[in-house]
C-alpha atoms as a PDB file:
ATOM      1  CA  MET A   1      -9.638 -38.995  79.754  1.00  0.00           C
ATOM      2  CA  ASN A   2      -9.473 -35.379  80.713  1.00  0.00           C
ATOM      3  CA  LEU A   3      -7.441 -33.816  83.437  1.00  0.00           C
ATOM      4  CA  ASN A   4     -10.502 -33.858  85.861  1.00  0.00           C
ATOM      5  CA  ASP A   5     -10.824 -37.646  85.397  1.00  0.00           C
ATOM      6  CA  VAL A   6      -7.141 -38.098  86.381  1.00  0.00           C
ATOM      7  CA  ILE A   7      -7.421 -35.872  89.329  1.00  0.00           C
ATOM      8  CA  THR A   8     -10.324 -37.697  90.610  1.00  0.00           C
ATOM      9  CA  SER A   9      -9.057 -41.144  89.389  1.00  0.00           C
ATOM     10  CA  ASP A  10      -9.515 -44.052  91.830  1.00  0.00           C
ATOM     11  CA  ASN A  11      -6.300 -45.257  90.485  1.00  0.00           C
ATOM     12  CA  VAL A  12      -4.177 -42.390  91.773  1.00  0.00           C
ATOM     13  CA  ASP A  13      -3.494 -41.283  95.331  1.00  0.00           C
ATOM     14  CA  PHE A  14      -2.751 -37.530  95.337  1.00  0.00           C
ATOM     15  CA  THR A  15      -3.001 -37.232  99.190  1.00  0.00           C
ATOM     16  CA  GLY A  16       0.219 -36.354 100.745  1.00  0.00           C
ATOM     17  CA  ILE A  17       1.751 -34.734  97.651  1.00  0.00           C
ATOM     18  CA  GLU A  18       2.873 -31.318  98.267  1.00  0.00           C
ATOM     19  CA  SER A  19       1.433 -28.552  96.303  1.00  0.00           C
ATOM     20  CA  PRO A  20       4.554 -27.410  94.288  1.00  0.00           C
ATOM     21  CA  TYR A  21       5.041 -31.193  93.242  1.00  0.00           C
ATOM     22  CA  PHE A  22       1.610 -31.326  92.072  1.00  0.00           C
ATOM     23  CA  LEU A  23       1.742 -28.087  90.284  1.00  0.00           C
ATOM     24  CA  ILE A  24       4.925 -29.372  88.334  1.00  0.00           C
ATOM     25  CA  GLY A  25       3.139 -32.502  87.398  1.00  0.00           C
ATOM     26  CA  LEU A  26       0.063 -30.751  86.591  1.00  0.00           C
ATOM     27  CA  ILE A  27       1.995 -28.399  84.043  1.00  0.00           C
ATOM     28  CA  SER A  28       3.743 -31.373  82.738  1.00  0.00           C
ATOM     29  CA  ALA A  29       0.430 -33.395  82.110  1.00  0.00           C
ATOM     30  CA  PHE A  30      -1.050 -30.184  80.835  1.00  0.00           C
ATOM     31  CA  GLU A  31       1.671 -29.646  78.129  1.00  0.00           C
ATOM     32  CA  ASN A  32       1.467 -33.208  76.918  1.00  0.00           C
ATOM     33  CA  ARG A  33      -2.292 -33.081  76.629  1.00  0.00           C
ATOM     34  CA  PHE A  34      -2.234 -29.567  74.979  1.00  0.00           C
ATOM     35  CA  GLN A  35       0.568 -30.857  72.466  1.00  0.00           C
ATOM     36  CA  ALA A  36      -1.649 -33.823  71.495  1.00  0.00           C
ATOM     37  CA  MET A  37      -4.594 -31.776  71.127  1.00  0.00           C
ATOM     38  CA  ALA A  38      -2.698 -29.050  68.900  1.00  0.00           C
ATOM     39  CA  ASP A  39      -0.994 -31.700  66.814  1.00  0.00           C
ATOM     40  CA  LYS A  40      -4.424 -33.040  65.732  1.00  0.00           C
ATOM     41  CA  SER A  41      -5.940 -29.427  65.132  1.00  0.00           C
ATOM     42  CA  MET A  42      -2.818 -28.038  62.951  1.00  0.00           C
ATOM     43  CA  LYS A  43      -2.577 -31.111  60.843  1.00  0.00           C
ATOM     44  CA  GLU A  44       0.079 -29.774  58.502  1.00  0.00           C
ATOM     45  CA  ILE A  45       2.691 -28.909  61.157  1.00  0.00           C
ATOM     46  CA  SER A  46       3.276 -30.103  64.778  1.00  0.00           C
ATOM     47  CA  TRP A  47       2.537 -27.714  67.857  1.00  0.00           C
ATOM     48  CA  LYS A  48       6.180 -27.516  68.440  1.00  0.00           C
ATOM     49  CA  GLN A  49       6.744 -26.200  64.961  1.00  0.00           C
ATOM     50  CA  PHE A  50       3.883 -23.866  65.111  1.00  0.00           C
ATOM     51  CA  PHE A  51       5.247 -22.635  68.502  1.00  0.00           C
ATOM     52  CA  ALA A  52       8.542 -21.766  66.626  1.00  0.00           C
ATOM     53  CA  VAL A  53       6.582 -19.928  64.092  1.00  0.00           C
ATOM     54  CA  ILE A  54       4.786 -18.110  66.755  1.00  0.00           C
ATOM     55  CA  CYS A  55       8.060 -17.094  68.572  1.00  0.00           C
ATOM     56  CA  ILE A  56       9.571 -16.163  65.163  1.00  0.00           C
ATOM     57  CA  GLY A  57       6.705 -13.977  64.444  1.00  0.00           C
ATOM     58  CA  MET A  58       6.877 -12.105  68.041  1.00  0.00           C
ATOM     59  CA  CYS A  59      10.267 -11.110  67.200  1.00  0.00           C
ATOM     60  CA  LYS A  60      11.142  -7.421  66.228  1.00  0.00           C
ATOM     61  CA  GLU A  61      13.794  -8.484  63.704  1.00  0.00           C
ATOM     62  CA  LYS A  62      14.497 -11.838  62.194  1.00  0.00           C
ATOM     63  CA  PRO A  63      15.986 -14.064  64.970  1.00  0.00           C
ATOM     64  CA  THR A  64      19.080 -16.203  65.057  1.00  0.00           C
ATOM     65  CA  LEU A  65      18.966 -19.819  65.751  1.00  0.00           C
ATOM     66  CA  LYS A  66      20.507 -19.174  69.176  1.00  0.00           C
ATOM     67  CA  GLU A  67      17.901 -16.283  69.824  1.00  0.00           C
ATOM     68  CA  LEU A  68      15.087 -18.446  68.908  1.00  0.00           C
ATOM     69  CA  ALA A  69      16.270 -21.458  71.052  1.00  0.00           C
ATOM     70  CA  GLU A  70      16.265 -18.794  74.146  1.00  0.00           C
ATOM     71  CA  ILE A  71      12.963 -17.716  73.493  1.00  0.00           C
ATOM     72  CA  MET A  72      11.465 -21.140  73.034  1.00  0.00           C
ATOM     73  CA  GLY A  73      13.280 -22.395  76.126  1.00  0.00           C
ATOM     74  CA  SER A  74      14.718 -25.292  74.275  1.00  0.00           C
ATOM     75  CA  SER A  75      18.163 -26.524  73.145  1.00  0.00           C
ATOM     76  CA  HIS A  76      20.025 -25.247  69.903  1.00  0.00           C
ATOM     77  CA  GLN A  77      19.937 -28.756  68.716  1.00  0.00           C
ATOM     78  CA  ASN A  78      15.966 -29.300  69.216  1.00  0.00           C
ATOM     79  CA  VAL A  79      15.333 -25.914  67.655  1.00  0.00           C
ATOM     80  CA  LYS A  80      17.511 -26.658  64.780  1.00  0.00           C
ATOM     81  CA  GLN A  81      15.585 -30.040  63.945  1.00  0.00           C
ATOM     82  CA  ILE A  82      12.191 -28.010  64.047  1.00  0.00           C
ATOM     83  CA  LEU A  83      13.686 -25.289  61.696  1.00  0.00           C
ATOM     84  CA  ILE A  84      14.871 -27.995  59.266  1.00  0.00           C
ATOM     85  CA  LYS A  85      11.435 -29.350  59.001  1.00  0.00           C
ATOM     86  CA  LEU A  86       9.786 -26.025  58.808  1.00  0.00           C
ATOM     87  CA  GLU A  87      12.025 -25.050  55.946  1.00  0.00           C
ATOM     88  CA  LYS A  88      11.383 -28.336  54.142  1.00  0.00           C
ATOM     89  CA  LYS A  89       7.611 -27.658  54.352  1.00  0.00           C
ATOM     90  CA  GLY A  90       8.091 -24.060  53.109  1.00  0.00           C
ATOM     91  CA  PHE A  91       7.240 -22.206  56.517  1.00  0.00           C
ATOM     92  CA  VAL A  92      10.558 -20.591  56.934  1.00  0.00           C
ATOM     93  CA  ARG A  93      13.882 -19.488  55.175  1.00  0.00           C
ATOM     94  CA  ILE A  94      17.263 -19.455  56.813  1.00  0.00           C
ATOM     95  CA  VAL A  95      19.102 -16.368  55.433  1.00  0.00           C
ATOM     96  CA  ALA A  96      22.244 -14.685  56.066  1.00  0.00           C
ATOM     97  CA  ASP A  97      22.435 -11.692  58.207  1.00  0.00           C
ATOM     98  CA  GLU A  98      22.801  -8.307  56.294  1.00  0.00           C
ATOM     99  CA  LYS A  99      25.439  -7.016  58.551  1.00  0.00           C
ATOM    100  CA  ASP A 100      27.223 -10.062  59.634  1.00  0.00           C
ATOM    101  CA  LYS A 101      27.306 -12.865  57.002  1.00  0.00           C
ATOM    102  CA  ARG A 102      28.583 -15.436  59.534  1.00  0.00           C
ATOM    103  CA  LYS A 103      25.050 -15.261  61.345  1.00  0.00           C
ATOM    104  CA  GLN A 104      21.951 -16.765  60.029  1.00  0.00           C
ATOM    105  CA  ARG A 105      18.643 -15.492  60.647  1.00  0.00           C
ATOM    106  CA  ILE A 106      15.263 -17.094  60.501  1.00  0.00           C
ATOM    107  CA  GLU A 107      12.336 -15.638  58.596  1.00  0.00           C
ATOM    108  CA  LEU A 108       8.851 -16.565  57.894  1.00  0.00           C
ATOM    109  CA  THR A 109       7.658 -17.303  54.543  1.00  0.00           C
ATOM    110  CA  GLU A 110       4.572 -16.052  52.725  1.00  0.00           C
ATOM    111  CA  TYR A 111       3.362 -19.585  52.690  1.00  0.00           C
ATOM    112  CA  CYS A 112       3.552 -19.468  56.369  1.00  0.00           C
ATOM    113  CA  GLU A 113       1.764 -16.244  56.600  1.00  0.00           C
ATOM    114  CA  ASN A 114      -1.175 -17.716  54.490  1.00  0.00           C
ATOM    115  CA  PHE A 115      -1.194 -20.813  56.638  1.00  0.00           C
ATOM    116  CA  CYS A 116      -1.413 -18.707  59.947  1.00  0.00           C
ATOM    117  CA  ASN A 117      -4.309 -16.505  58.329  1.00  0.00           C
ATOM    118  CA  LYS A 118      -6.026 -19.654  57.130  1.00  0.00           C
ATOM    119  CA  ASN A 119      -5.889 -21.308  60.660  1.00  0.00           C
ATOM    120  CA  ASP A 120      -6.559 -18.109  62.651  1.00  0.00           C
ATOM    121  CA  GLU A 121     -10.210 -18.717  63.387  1.00  0.00           C
ATOM    122  CA  VAL A 122      -9.413 -22.339  64.532  1.00  0.00           C
ATOM    123  CA  SER A 123      -6.783 -20.953  66.874  1.00  0.00           C
ATOM    124  CA  ILE A 124      -9.183 -18.411  68.221  1.00  0.00           C
ATOM    125  CA  SER A 125     -11.933 -20.904  68.860  1.00  0.00           C
ATOM    126  CA  ILE A 126      -9.548 -23.408  70.517  1.00  0.00           C
ATOM    127  CA  MET A 127      -8.303 -20.555  72.881  1.00  0.00           C
ATOM    128  CA  ASN A 128     -11.648 -19.396  73.834  1.00  0.00           C
ATOM    129  CA  LYS A 129     -12.874 -22.892  74.600  1.00  0.00           C
ATOM    130  CA  MET A 130      -9.600 -23.489  76.655  1.00  0.00           C
ATOM    131  CA  PHE A 131      -9.968 -20.319  78.737  1.00  0.00           C
ATOM    132  CA  GLU A 132     -13.677 -20.351  79.135  1.00  0.00           C
ATOM    133  CA  GLY A 133     -14.857 -19.588  82.684  1.00  0.00           C
ATOM    134  CA  ILE A 134     -11.339 -18.218  83.690  1.00  0.00           C
ATOM    135  CA  SER A 135     -11.136 -14.620  84.475  1.00  0.00           C
ATOM    136  CA  GLN A 136      -8.337 -12.225  83.336  1.00  0.00           C
ATOM    137  CA  GLU A 137      -7.198 -11.966  87.052  1.00  0.00           C
ATOM    138  CA  GLN A 138      -6.747 -15.612  87.201  1.00  0.00           C
ATOM    139  CA  ILE A 139      -4.785 -15.676  83.830  1.00  0.00           C
ATOM    140  CA  GLN A 140      -2.559 -12.656  85.078  1.00  0.00           C
ATOM    141  CA  THR A 141      -1.830 -14.614  88.418  1.00  0.00           C
ATOM    142  CA  THR A 142      -0.846 -17.808  86.602  1.00  0.00           C
ATOM    143  CA  ILE A 143       1.362 -15.726  84.277  1.00  0.00           C
ATOM    144  CA  ALA A 144       2.948 -14.062  87.280  1.00  0.00           C
ATOM    145  CA  THR A 145       3.615 -17.381  88.990  1.00  0.00           C
ATOM    146  CA  ILE A 146       5.028 -19.048  86.190  1.00  0.00           C
ATOM    147  CA  ILE A 147       7.431 -16.164  85.301  1.00  0.00           C
ATOM    148  CA  GLN A 148       8.450 -16.156  88.971  1.00  0.00           C
ATOM    149  CA  ILE A 149       9.106 -19.879  88.944  1.00  0.00           C
ATOM    150  CA  GLU A 150      11.055 -19.519  85.610  1.00  0.00           C
ATOM    151  CA  GLY A 151      13.219 -16.784  87.143  1.00  0.00           C
ATOM    152  CA  ASN A 152      14.003 -19.045  89.916  1.00  0.00           C
ATOM    153  CA  ILE A 153      14.974 -21.997  87.575  1.00  0.00           C
ATOM    154  CA  LYS A 154      17.389 -19.687  86.045  1.00  0.00           C
ATOM    155  CA  GLY A 155      18.837 -19.124  89.383  1.00  0.00           C
ATOM    156  CA  ILE A 156      19.657 -22.831  90.030  1.00  0.00           C
END
């Protein structure tokens, strides 16, 4: 069942739902569907684990657990569990900070880099299919809207 089937479903009555509530529900349902699709595509690691890898790779310097949790928008405990699994699979190493030995930093391994390179074409193909028919303007508007909503959440 795809999202369009859910929206046009005879079993669900969307009339009377205010747009903000509908949007939050749509985002939640999308995240679930995307995660299921990505989990099937990745095979070796889960979407949440791959998202952690992406976030680590975006950092200018090796992040701490606290920094990574903030970037991912997740709890310290959840990110720690993800990292433990990634470390067991050989995707990351947790190393002492060179300046402050009390801090631990997370680094990607060569194994992880090889995995990412090997799966790059699949990721590009999936992204192209997902965003087919969607203009850059629509994408930028969606990004700006979600950033504003997230800023509002931080103020609550």
